[in-house]
Amino acid sequence: MSDHGPLHGPLLRALMEARGDVPPSLARFDALVRSDGPPPSFEEYSARMGAALCPWRQTCYFDARARRRLTSVANARFEKIAADLGVSIPASFWRFLAKRGAHGSEVREVVLGMEATVPLRLKYYLVFRGPAASTVEALRVALGAPELPATLHMGSVCILGLDFHPCGLHDFKVYVRLDSRRLPHVIENFADFRALAVGCRYLVFQHCVVSRRRQVYFHANSPAVLEDHLALDPRAEGARGSLADTLARMNRRLEGRDAGVLRPWIASFVYRQGALEATPANIYFHLGRG
């Protein structure tokens, strides 16, 4: 199978042409996530920031609300991907899918993702459209994850994220919608993010029960909101400059195919000791017209 064959989507093809060091595991994920039937409903490219840039991330959404059978499609592909990449998924997870599954009316999308680090991380997420506390708790018990903090408002849960590495469960992540009126009282440096928050549709709090990592996700009204805040510049040193250069190269390839360009729609910032860190932890890009 050619690396640039028809099984690969436009985002990975652009990344392959922009950079020559794309991990084979990411290329394999991309091929398998769109095999045997309907393609993903939506695809997202993202990068993890830090001391070094990790640009090897892809997320594929299957719209279970619009087409209920896409849940089974996504689950079957996840099983195939895990087996192919040597990721050990606990048997209790498969039993949950077989017995209860993710077919409830509360599920809006089933999401499969990949972060091609060493060790790699394979992601299975559920995006909810209705009350989902019971589904989250059932999966937590099935996977033996630590208990959720009593302060987490489960009535506002909107996403559940399961990260797996080759040895099993890596993290169990719960995302809840935030009440923007409370933010100045719980984020000490909220003034530094006020303009960004005003330009967002909503904000989401992420609590990772295994790693204990916490983040706030800013979902922008438009990409310009995040572009103004992030000011990514290829001349900058470190992760920001490297990401800006990668995006510029990818977008030149995408524009040549009249596919639109990648622009930022979501950014997350680590929440630690009552404040948000200044540098984004993750940035998520969607393909659209400039």
C-alpha atoms as a PDB file:
ATOM      1  CA  MET A   1       0.000   0.000   0.000  1.00  0.00           C
ATOM      2  CA  SER A   2       1.488   3.335  -1.046  1.00  0.00           C
ATOM      3  CA  ASP A   3       1.951   5.948   1.657  1.00  0.00           C
ATOM      4  CA  HIS A   4       0.167   8.391  -0.609  1.00  0.00           C
ATOM      5  CA  GLY A   5      -2.450   5.932  -1.823  1.00  0.00           C
ATOM      6  CA  PRO A   6      -6.205   6.441  -1.838  1.00  0.00           C
ATOM      7  CA  LEU A   7      -6.641   4.945   1.633  1.00  0.00           C
ATOM      8  CA  HIS A   8      -5.103   8.041   3.219  1.00  0.00           C
ATOM      9  CA  GLY A   9      -7.141  11.162   3.927  1.00  0.00           C
ATOM     10  CA  PRO A  10      -6.200  14.711   2.874  1.00  0.00           C
ATOM     11  CA  LEU A  11      -4.812  15.726   6.267  1.00  0.00           C
ATOM     12  CA  LEU A  12      -2.333  12.876   6.514  1.00  0.00           C
ATOM     13  CA  ARG A  13      -1.324  13.227   2.862  1.00  0.00           C
ATOM     14  CA  ALA A  14      -0.572  16.897   3.483  1.00  0.00           C
ATOM     15  CA  LEU A  15       1.391  16.050   6.648  1.00  0.00           C
ATOM     16  CA  MET A  16       3.396  13.392   4.775  1.00  0.00           C
ATOM     17  CA  GLU A  17       4.270  15.896   2.059  1.00  0.00           C
ATOM     18  CA  ALA A  18       5.117  18.599   4.595  1.00  0.00           C
ATOM     19  CA  ARG A  19       7.334  16.387   6.758  1.00  0.00           C
ATOM     20  CA  GLY A  20       9.345  13.313   5.943  1.00  0.00           C
ATOM     21  CA  ASP A  21       9.371  11.871   9.457  1.00  0.00           C
ATOM     22  CA  VAL A  22       5.696  10.859   9.892  1.00  0.00           C
ATOM     23  CA  PRO A  23       5.584   7.729  12.098  1.00  0.00           C
ATOM     24  CA  PRO A  24       4.432   4.600  10.222  1.00  0.00           C
ATOM     25  CA  SER A  25       1.960   3.889  13.040  1.00  0.00           C
ATOM     26  CA  LEU A  26       0.076   7.122  12.271  1.00  0.00           C
ATOM     27  CA  ALA A  27      -0.082   6.242   8.575  1.00  0.00           C
ATOM     28  CA  ARG A  28      -1.398   2.802   9.517  1.00  0.00           C
ATOM     29  CA  PHE A  29      -4.039   4.323  11.809  1.00  0.00           C
ATOM     30  CA  ASP A  30      -5.174   6.668   9.039  1.00  0.00           C
ATOM     31  CA  ALA A  31      -5.561   3.813   6.571  1.00  0.00           C
ATOM     32  CA  LEU A  32      -7.436   1.546   8.986  1.00  0.00           C
ATOM     33  CA  VAL A  33      -9.788   4.213  10.368  1.00  0.00           C
ATOM     34  CA  ARG A  34     -11.305   4.713   6.919  1.00  0.00           C
ATOM     35  CA  SER A  35     -11.309   1.084   5.724  1.00  0.00           C
ATOM     36  CA  ASP A  36     -14.200  -1.266   5.002  1.00  0.00           C
ATOM     37  CA  GLY A  37     -17.113   1.061   4.443  1.00  0.00           C
ATOM     38  CA  PRO A  38     -18.115   4.662   5.171  1.00  0.00           C
ATOM     39  CA  PRO A  39     -15.359   7.162   5.979  1.00  0.00           C
ATOM     40  CA  PRO A  40     -15.266   9.199   9.215  1.00  0.00           C
ATOM     41  CA  SER A  41     -17.849  11.974   9.349  1.00  0.00           C
ATOM     42  CA  PHE A  42     -15.238  14.580  10.307  1.00  0.00           C
ATOM     43  CA  GLU A  43     -11.457  14.708  10.802  1.00  0.00           C
ATOM     44  CA  GLU A  44      -9.320  16.895  13.030  1.00  0.00           C
ATOM     45  CA  TYR A  45      -5.586  17.550  13.121  1.00  0.00           C
ATOM     46  CA  SER A  46      -3.961  18.574  16.394  1.00  0.00           C
ATOM     47  CA  ALA A  47      -0.574  19.089  17.998  1.00  0.00           C
ATOM     48  CA  ARG A  48       0.636  18.760  21.570  1.00  0.00           C
ATOM     49  CA  MET A  49       2.868  21.588  22.727  1.00  0.00           C
ATOM     50  CA  GLY A  50       5.560  21.408  25.371  1.00  0.00           C
ATOM     51  CA  ALA A  51       9.329  21.310  25.545  1.00  0.00           C
ATOM     52  CA  ALA A  52       9.092  19.725  22.094  1.00  0.00           C
ATOM     53  CA  LEU A  53       6.308  19.641  19.536  1.00  0.00           C
ATOM     54  CA  CYS A  54       4.304  16.440  18.974  1.00  0.00           C
ATOM     55  CA  PRO A  55       2.531  16.927  15.613  1.00  0.00           C
ATOM     56  CA  TRP A  56       1.642  13.264  15.129  1.00  0.00           C
ATOM     57  CA  ARG A  57      -2.008  13.390  16.204  1.00  0.00           C
ATOM     58  CA  GLN A  58      -5.221  12.677  14.344  1.00  0.00           C
ATOM     59  CA  THR A  59      -8.846  12.470  15.456  1.00  0.00           C
ATOM     60  CA  CYS A  60     -11.738  10.971  13.460  1.00  0.00           C
ATOM     61  CA  TYR A  61     -15.394  11.498  14.391  1.00  0.00           C
ATOM     62  CA  PHE A  62     -18.272   9.145  13.544  1.00  0.00           C
ATOM     63  CA  ASP A  63     -21.647  10.893  13.754  1.00  0.00           C
ATOM     64  CA  ALA A  64     -23.765   8.356  15.634  1.00  0.00           C
ATOM     65  CA  ARG A  65     -26.711  10.731  15.884  1.00  0.00           C
ATOM     66  CA  ALA A  66     -27.072  11.109  12.113  1.00  0.00           C
ATOM     67  CA  ARG A  67     -26.330   7.443  11.287  1.00  0.00           C
ATOM     68  CA  ARG A  68     -26.727   5.025  14.185  1.00  0.00           C
ATOM     69  CA  ARG A  69     -24.871   2.217  12.459  1.00  0.00           C
ATOM     70  CA  LEU A  70     -21.679   4.307  12.465  1.00  0.00           C
ATOM     71  CA  THR A  71     -21.285   3.361  16.129  1.00  0.00           C
ATOM     72  CA  SER A  72     -20.770  -0.275  15.152  1.00  0.00           C
ATOM     73  CA  VAL A  73     -18.510   0.798  12.278  1.00  0.00           C
ATOM     74  CA  ALA A  74     -16.323   2.831  14.635  1.00  0.00           C
ATOM     75  CA  ASN A  75     -16.185   0.066  17.243  1.00  0.00           C
ATOM     76  CA  ALA A  76     -15.158  -2.539  14.667  1.00  0.00           C
ATOM     77  CA  ARG A  77     -12.430  -0.282  13.307  1.00  0.00           C
ATOM     78  CA  PHE A  78     -11.151   0.474  16.788  1.00  0.00           C
ATOM     79  CA  GLU A  79     -10.802  -3.251  17.460  1.00  0.00           C
ATOM     80  CA  LYS A  80      -8.938  -3.735  14.172  1.00  0.00           C
ATOM     81  CA  ILE A  81      -6.635  -0.745  14.814  1.00  0.00           C
ATOM     82  CA  ALA A  82      -5.792  -1.879  18.351  1.00  0.00           C
ATOM     83  CA  ALA A  83      -4.924  -5.383  17.167  1.00  0.00           C
ATOM     84  CA  ASP A  84      -2.865  -4.098  14.238  1.00  0.00           C
ATOM     85  CA  LEU A  85      -0.861  -1.614  16.335  1.00  0.00           C
ATOM     86  CA  GLY A  86      -0.376  -3.972  19.279  1.00  0.00           C
ATOM     87  CA  VAL A  87      -2.385  -1.934  21.790  1.00  0.00           C
ATOM     88  CA  SER A  88      -3.746  -4.007  24.669  1.00  0.00           C
ATOM     89  CA  ILE A  89      -7.380  -3.095  25.315  1.00  0.00           C
ATOM     90  CA  PRO A  90      -8.766  -4.553  28.566  1.00  0.00           C
ATOM     91  CA  ALA A  91     -11.256  -7.374  28.059  1.00  0.00           C
ATOM     92  CA  SER A  92     -13.699  -5.497  30.292  1.00  0.00           C
ATOM     93  CA  PHE A  93     -13.908  -2.745  27.665  1.00  0.00           C
ATOM     94  CA  TRP A  94     -14.932  -5.203  24.954  1.00  0.00           C
ATOM     95  CA  ARG A  95     -17.458  -6.772  27.329  1.00  0.00           C
ATOM     96  CA  PHE A  96     -18.930  -3.313  27.939  1.00  0.00           C
ATOM     97  CA  LEU A  97     -19.300  -2.689  24.209  1.00  0.00           C
ATOM     98  CA  ALA A  98     -20.842  -6.128  23.679  1.00  0.00           C
ATOM     99  CA  LYS A  99     -23.291  -5.819  26.575  1.00  0.00           C
ATOM    100  CA  ARG A 100     -24.129  -2.134  26.759  1.00  0.00           C
ATOM    101  CA  GLY A 101     -22.221  -0.572  23.899  1.00  0.00           C
ATOM    102  CA  ALA A 102     -22.255   3.087  22.952  1.00  0.00           C
ATOM    103  CA  HIS A 103     -25.610   2.982  21.207  1.00  0.00           C
ATOM    104  CA  GLY A 104     -27.587   5.010  23.751  1.00  0.00           C
ATOM    105  CA  SER A 105     -29.485   8.117  22.751  1.00  0.00           C
ATOM    106  CA  GLU A 106     -27.069  10.157  24.891  1.00  0.00           C
ATOM    107  CA  VAL A 107     -24.181   9.468  22.456  1.00  0.00           C
ATOM    108  CA  ARG A 108     -23.744  11.984  19.664  1.00  0.00           C
ATOM    109  CA  GLU A 109     -20.374  10.883  18.263  1.00  0.00           C
ATOM    110  CA  VAL A 110     -17.902   8.043  18.634  1.00  0.00           C
ATOM    111  CA  VAL A 111     -14.368   9.349  18.210  1.00  0.00           C
ATOM    112  CA  LEU A 112     -11.205   7.414  17.363  1.00  0.00           C
ATOM    113  CA  GLY A 113      -7.838   9.095  17.763  1.00  0.00           C
ATOM    114  CA  MET A 114      -4.133   8.428  17.652  1.00  0.00           C
ATOM    115  CA  GLU A 115      -1.058  10.081  19.127  1.00  0.00           C
ATOM    116  CA  ALA A 116       2.013   8.490  17.583  1.00  0.00           C
ATOM    117  CA  THR A 117       4.394   9.005  20.471  1.00  0.00           C
ATOM    118  CA  VAL A 118       6.598   6.340  22.078  1.00  0.00           C
ATOM    119  CA  PRO A 119       4.739   4.533  23.474  1.00  0.00           C
ATOM    120  CA  LEU A 120       1.833   5.389  21.192  1.00  0.00           C
ATOM    121  CA  ARG A 121      -1.594   6.296  22.511  1.00  0.00           C
ATOM    122  CA  LEU A 122      -4.822   5.088  20.985  1.00  0.00           C
ATOM    123  CA  LYS A 123      -7.973   7.031  21.877  1.00  0.00           C
ATOM    124  CA  TYR A 124     -11.640   6.084  22.127  1.00  0.00           C
ATOM    125  CA  TYR A 125     -13.929   8.996  23.009  1.00  0.00           C
ATOM    126  CA  LEU A 126     -17.664   9.438  23.366  1.00  0.00           C
ATOM    127  CA  VAL A 127     -19.218  12.860  22.734  1.00  0.00           C
ATOM    128  CA  PHE A 128     -22.571  13.185  24.476  1.00  0.00           C
ATOM    129  CA  ARG A 129     -25.781  14.981  23.563  1.00  0.00           C
ATOM    130  CA  GLY A 130     -27.653  14.193  26.778  1.00  0.00           C
ATOM    131  CA  PRO A 131     -27.184  13.094  30.404  1.00  0.00           C
ATOM    132  CA  ALA A 132     -24.334  10.582  30.483  1.00  0.00           C
ATOM    133  CA  ALA A 133     -23.252  10.209  34.111  1.00  0.00           C
ATOM    134  CA  SER A 134     -24.382   6.573  34.255  1.00  0.00           C
ATOM    135  CA  THR A 135     -22.477   5.651  31.080  1.00  0.00           C
ATOM    136  CA  VAL A 136     -19.318   7.325  32.395  1.00  0.00           C
ATOM    137  CA  GLU A 137     -19.583   5.563  35.746  1.00  0.00           C
ATOM    138  CA  ALA A 138     -20.268   2.172  34.143  1.00  0.00           C
ATOM    139  CA  LEU A 139     -17.139   2.465  31.997  1.00  0.00           C
ATOM    140  CA  ARG A 140     -15.073   3.707  34.933  1.00  0.00           C
ATOM    141  CA  VAL A 141     -16.034   0.642  36.966  1.00  0.00           C
ATOM    142  CA  ALA A 142     -15.474  -1.685  34.003  1.00  0.00           C
ATOM    143  CA  LEU A 143     -11.958  -0.349  33.461  1.00  0.00           C
ATOM    144  CA  GLY A 144     -11.072  -0.125  37.154  1.00  0.00           C
ATOM    145  CA  ALA A 145     -10.216   3.573  36.901  1.00  0.00           C
ATOM    146  CA  PRO A 146      -9.957   5.690  40.092  1.00  0.00           C
ATOM    147  CA  GLU A 147     -13.117   7.265  41.454  1.00  0.00           C
ATOM    148  CA  LEU A 148     -14.207  10.623  40.128  1.00  0.00           C
ATOM    149  CA  PRO A 149     -13.900  13.621  42.461  1.00  0.00           C
ATOM    150  CA  ALA A 150     -17.119  14.589  44.213  1.00  0.00           C
ATOM    151  CA  THR A 151     -16.622  18.197  43.060  1.00  0.00           C
ATOM    152  CA  LEU A 152     -16.917  17.243  39.386  1.00  0.00           C
ATOM    153  CA  HIS A 153     -20.370  18.269  38.136  1.00  0.00           C
ATOM    154  CA  MET A 154     -21.370  15.102  36.292  1.00  0.00           C
ATOM    155  CA  GLY A 155     -24.637  16.654  35.154  1.00  0.00           C
ATOM    156  CA  SER A 156     -22.565  18.795  32.775  1.00  0.00           C
ATOM    157  CA  VAL A 157     -20.387  16.018  31.345  1.00  0.00           C
ATOM    158  CA  CYS A 158     -20.058  16.361  27.575  1.00  0.00           C
ATOM    159  CA  ILE A 159     -17.183  14.033  26.621  1.00  0.00           C
ATOM    160  CA  LEU A 160     -15.575  10.881  27.968  1.00  0.00           C
ATOM    161  CA  GLY A 161     -12.058  10.114  26.789  1.00  0.00           C
ATOM    162  CA  LEU A 162     -10.272   6.764  27.104  1.00  0.00           C
ATOM    163  CA  ASP A 163      -6.564   6.674  26.280  1.00  0.00           C
ATOM    164  CA  PHE A 164      -4.865   3.305  25.800  1.00  0.00           C
ATOM    165  CA  HIS A 165      -1.179   2.461  25.369  1.00  0.00           C
ATOM    166  CA  PRO A 166       0.335  -0.924  24.476  1.00  0.00           C
ATOM    167  CA  CYS A 167       0.010  -2.150  28.083  1.00  0.00           C
ATOM    168  CA  GLY A 168      -3.619  -1.109  28.669  1.00  0.00           C
ATOM    169  CA  LEU A 169      -5.460   1.916  30.026  1.00  0.00           C
ATOM    170  CA  HIS A 170      -3.344   5.072  30.032  1.00  0.00           C
ATOM    171  CA  ASP A 171      -5.948   7.566  31.248  1.00  0.00           C
ATOM    172  CA  PHE A 172      -9.663   8.076  31.878  1.00  0.00           C
ATOM    173  CA  LYS A 173     -10.731  11.641  31.038  1.00  0.00           C
ATOM    174  CA  VAL A 174     -13.971  13.389  31.882  1.00  0.00           C
ATOM    175  CA  TYR A 175     -14.912  16.690  30.232  1.00  0.00           C
ATOM    176  CA  VAL A 176     -17.579  19.017  31.645  1.00  0.00           C
ATOM    177  CA  ARG A 177     -18.985  22.316  30.369  1.00  0.00           C
ATOM    178  CA  LEU A 178     -17.934  25.312  32.429  1.00  0.00           C
ATOM    179  CA  ASP A 179     -20.131  28.120  33.686  1.00  0.00           C
ATOM    180  CA  SER A 180     -18.263  31.168  32.369  1.00  0.00           C
ATOM    181  CA  ARG A 181     -19.624  33.324  35.217  1.00  0.00           C
ATOM    182  CA  ARG A 182     -17.591  31.335  37.752  1.00  0.00           C
ATOM    183  CA  LEU A 183     -14.275  31.474  35.921  1.00  0.00           C
ATOM    184  CA  PRO A 184     -12.952  34.749  37.378  1.00  0.00           C
ATOM    185  CA  HIS A 185     -13.475  33.236  40.842  1.00  0.00           C
ATOM    186  CA  VAL A 186     -11.706  29.914  40.220  1.00  0.00           C
ATOM    187  CA  ILE A 187      -8.917  30.903  37.792  1.00  0.00           C
ATOM    188  CA  GLU A 188      -6.505  33.302  39.459  1.00  0.00           C
ATOM    189  CA  ASN A 189      -5.056  34.626  36.195  1.00  0.00           C
ATOM    190  CA  PHE A 190      -8.342  34.709  34.301  1.00  0.00           C
ATOM    191  CA  ALA A 191      -7.661  38.331  33.276  1.00  0.00           C
ATOM    192  CA  ASP A 192      -4.925  37.011  30.954  1.00  0.00           C
ATOM    193  CA  PHE A 193      -7.538  34.880  29.160  1.00  0.00           C
ATOM    194  CA  ARG A 194     -10.590  37.141  29.366  1.00  0.00           C
ATOM    195  CA  ALA A 195     -10.433  38.331  25.744  1.00  0.00           C
ATOM    196  CA  LEU A 196     -10.014  34.760  24.550  1.00  0.00           C
ATOM    197  CA  ALA A 197     -12.939  33.534  26.671  1.00  0.00           C
ATOM    198  CA  VAL A 198     -15.211  36.291  25.330  1.00  0.00           C
ATOM    199  CA  GLY A 199     -14.479  35.067  21.810  1.00  0.00           C
ATOM    200  CA  CYS A 200     -15.423  31.465  22.589  1.00  0.00           C
ATOM    201  CA  ARG A 201     -18.665  29.528  22.159  1.00  0.00           C
ATOM    202  CA  TYR A 202     -17.998  27.627  25.375  1.00  0.00           C
ATOM    203  CA  LEU A 203     -15.258  26.374  27.672  1.00  0.00           C
ATOM    204  CA  VAL A 204     -14.717  22.808  28.861  1.00  0.00           C
ATOM    205  CA  PHE A 205     -12.883  21.497  31.919  1.00  0.00           C
ATOM    206  CA  GLN A 206     -10.972  18.227  31.568  1.00  0.00           C
ATOM    207  CA  HIS A 207     -10.152  16.030  34.566  1.00  0.00           C
ATOM    208  CA  CYS A 208      -7.884  13.013  34.040  1.00  0.00           C
ATOM    209  CA  VAL A 209      -8.509  10.564  36.861  1.00  0.00           C
ATOM    210  CA  VAL A 210      -5.335   8.513  36.311  1.00  0.00           C
ATOM    211  CA  SER A 211      -2.708  11.183  35.567  1.00  0.00           C
ATOM    212  CA  ARG A 212      -4.535  13.835  37.646  1.00  0.00           C
ATOM    213  CA  ARG A 213      -3.889  16.320  34.850  1.00  0.00           C
ATOM    214  CA  ARG A 214      -6.433  19.128  34.491  1.00  0.00           C
ATOM    215  CA  GLN A 215      -6.998  21.428  31.540  1.00  0.00           C
ATOM    216  CA  VAL A 216      -9.408  24.066  30.266  1.00  0.00           C
ATOM    217  CA  TYR A 217     -10.429  23.886  26.602  1.00  0.00           C
ATOM    218  CA  PHE A 218     -11.384  27.077  24.752  1.00  0.00           C
ATOM    219  CA  HIS A 219     -13.764  26.412  21.818  1.00  0.00           C
ATOM    220  CA  ALA A 220     -13.551  29.547  19.688  1.00  0.00           C
ATOM    221  CA  ASN A 221     -16.339  31.288  17.787  1.00  0.00           C
ATOM    222  CA  SER A 222     -13.968  31.621  14.835  1.00  0.00           C
ATOM    223  CA  PRO A 223     -10.357  30.646  14.058  1.00  0.00           C
ATOM    224  CA  ALA A 224      -9.355  34.315  14.080  1.00  0.00           C
ATOM    225  CA  VAL A 225      -9.987  34.406  17.848  1.00  0.00           C
ATOM    226  CA  LEU A 226      -7.312  31.793  18.503  1.00  0.00           C
ATOM    227  CA  GLU A 227      -4.989  33.060  15.794  1.00  0.00           C
ATOM    228  CA  ASP A 228      -4.912  36.446  17.516  1.00  0.00           C
ATOM    229  CA  HIS A 229      -4.269  34.879  20.924  1.00  0.00           C
ATOM    230  CA  LEU A 230      -1.684  32.318  19.817  1.00  0.00           C
ATOM    231  CA  ALA A 231       0.185  34.428  17.242  1.00  0.00           C
ATOM    232  CA  LEU A 232       2.022  31.402  15.862  1.00  0.00           C
ATOM    233  CA  ASP A 233       5.151  32.515  14.037  1.00  0.00           C
ATOM    234  CA  PRO A 234       7.513  30.180  12.119  1.00  0.00           C
ATOM    235  CA  ARG A 235      10.398  32.454  13.168  1.00  0.00           C
ATOM    236  CA  ALA A 236       9.744  31.671  16.830  1.00  0.00           C
ATOM    237  CA  GLU A 237      11.918  29.160  18.623  1.00  0.00           C
ATOM    238  CA  GLY A 238      10.718  25.862  20.002  1.00  0.00           C
ATOM    239  CA  ALA A 239       7.326  24.226  19.606  1.00  0.00           C
ATOM    240  CA  ARG A 240       5.426  27.296  18.393  1.00  0.00           C
ATOM    241  CA  GLY A 241       7.798  27.960  15.521  1.00  0.00           C
ATOM    242  CA  SER A 242       7.963  24.295  14.557  1.00  0.00           C
ATOM    243  CA  LEU A 243       4.153  24.014  14.542  1.00  0.00           C
ATOM    244  CA  ALA A 244       3.732  27.188  12.490  1.00  0.00           C
ATOM    245  CA  ASP A 245       6.220  25.899   9.935  1.00  0.00           C
ATOM    246  CA  THR A 246       4.491  22.492   9.729  1.00  0.00           C
ATOM    247  CA  LEU A 247       1.076  24.146   9.276  1.00  0.00           C
ATOM    248  CA  ALA A 248       2.363  26.476   6.562  1.00  0.00           C
ATOM    249  CA  ARG A 249       3.773  23.510   4.652  1.00  0.00           C
ATOM    250  CA  MET A 250       0.582  21.478   5.074  1.00  0.00           C
ATOM    251  CA  ASN A 251      -1.625  24.355   3.967  1.00  0.00           C
ATOM    252  CA  ARG A 252       0.418  24.928   0.811  1.00  0.00           C
ATOM    253  CA  ARG A 253      -0.308  21.306  -0.142  1.00  0.00           C
ATOM    254  CA  LEU A 254      -3.982  21.565   0.822  1.00  0.00           C
ATOM    255  CA  GLU A 255      -4.521  24.805  -1.081  1.00  0.00           C
ATOM    256  CA  GLY A 256      -3.070  23.146  -4.156  1.00  0.00           C
ATOM    257  CA  ARG A 257      -5.898  20.612  -3.980  1.00  0.00           C
ATOM    258  CA  ASP A 258      -8.541  23.294  -3.339  1.00  0.00           C
ATOM    259  CA  ALA A 259      -9.359  21.553  -0.043  1.00  0.00           C
ATOM    260  CA  GLY A 260      -9.249  24.662   2.116  1.00  0.00           C
ATOM    261  CA  VAL A 261      -6.713  25.283   4.878  1.00  0.00           C
ATOM    262  CA  LEU A 262      -6.155  24.255   8.480  1.00  0.00           C
ATOM    263  CA  ARG A 263      -7.014  26.900  11.052  1.00  0.00           C
ATOM    264  CA  PRO A 264      -7.217  26.663  14.868  1.00  0.00           C
ATOM    265  CA  TRP A 265     -10.604  26.202  16.520  1.00  0.00           C
ATOM    266  CA  ILE A 266      -9.750  24.786  19.960  1.00  0.00           C
ATOM    267  CA  ALA A 267      -6.861  25.280  22.378  1.00  0.00           C
ATOM    268  CA  SER A 268      -6.323  23.790  25.814  1.00  0.00           C
ATOM    269  CA  PHE A 269      -4.303  25.162  28.712  1.00  0.00           C
ATOM    270  CA  VAL A 270      -3.122  23.240  31.756  1.00  0.00           C
ATOM    271  CA  TYR A 271      -4.864  24.233  35.001  1.00  0.00           C
ATOM    272  CA  ARG A 272      -2.487  23.934  37.942  1.00  0.00           C
ATOM    273  CA  GLN A 273      -2.626  25.414  41.455  1.00  0.00           C
ATOM    274  CA  GLY A 274      -5.593  27.628  40.614  1.00  0.00           C
ATOM    275  CA  ALA A 275      -4.174  29.182  37.434  1.00  0.00           C
ATOM    276  CA  LEU A 276      -3.859  28.475  33.718  1.00  0.00           C
ATOM    277  CA  GLU A 277      -0.418  28.052  32.190  1.00  0.00           C
ATOM    278  CA  ALA A 278       0.394  30.642  29.532  1.00  0.00           C
ATOM    279  CA  THR A 279       1.511  28.206  26.831  1.00  0.00           C
ATOM    280  CA  PRO A 280      -1.216  26.073  25.240  1.00  0.00           C
ATOM    281  CA  ALA A 281      -0.954  22.342  25.890  1.00  0.00           C
ATOM    282  CA  ASN A 282      -2.853  21.303  22.748  1.00  0.00           C
ATOM    283  CA  ILE A 283      -4.112  23.081  19.640  1.00  0.00           C
ATOM    284  CA  TYR A 284      -6.800  21.587  17.376  1.00  0.00           C
ATOM    285  CA  PHE A 285      -7.150  22.528  13.709  1.00  0.00           C
ATOM    286  CA  HIS A 286     -10.118  22.081  11.370  1.00  0.00           C
ATOM    287  CA  LEU A 287     -10.063  22.133   7.604  1.00  0.00           C
ATOM    288  CA  GLY A 288     -12.109  24.855   5.953  1.00  0.00           C
ATOM    289  CA  ARG A 289     -12.073  27.845   3.697  1.00  0.00           C
ATOM    290  CA  GLY A 290      -9.689  30.599   4.720  1.00  0.00           C
END
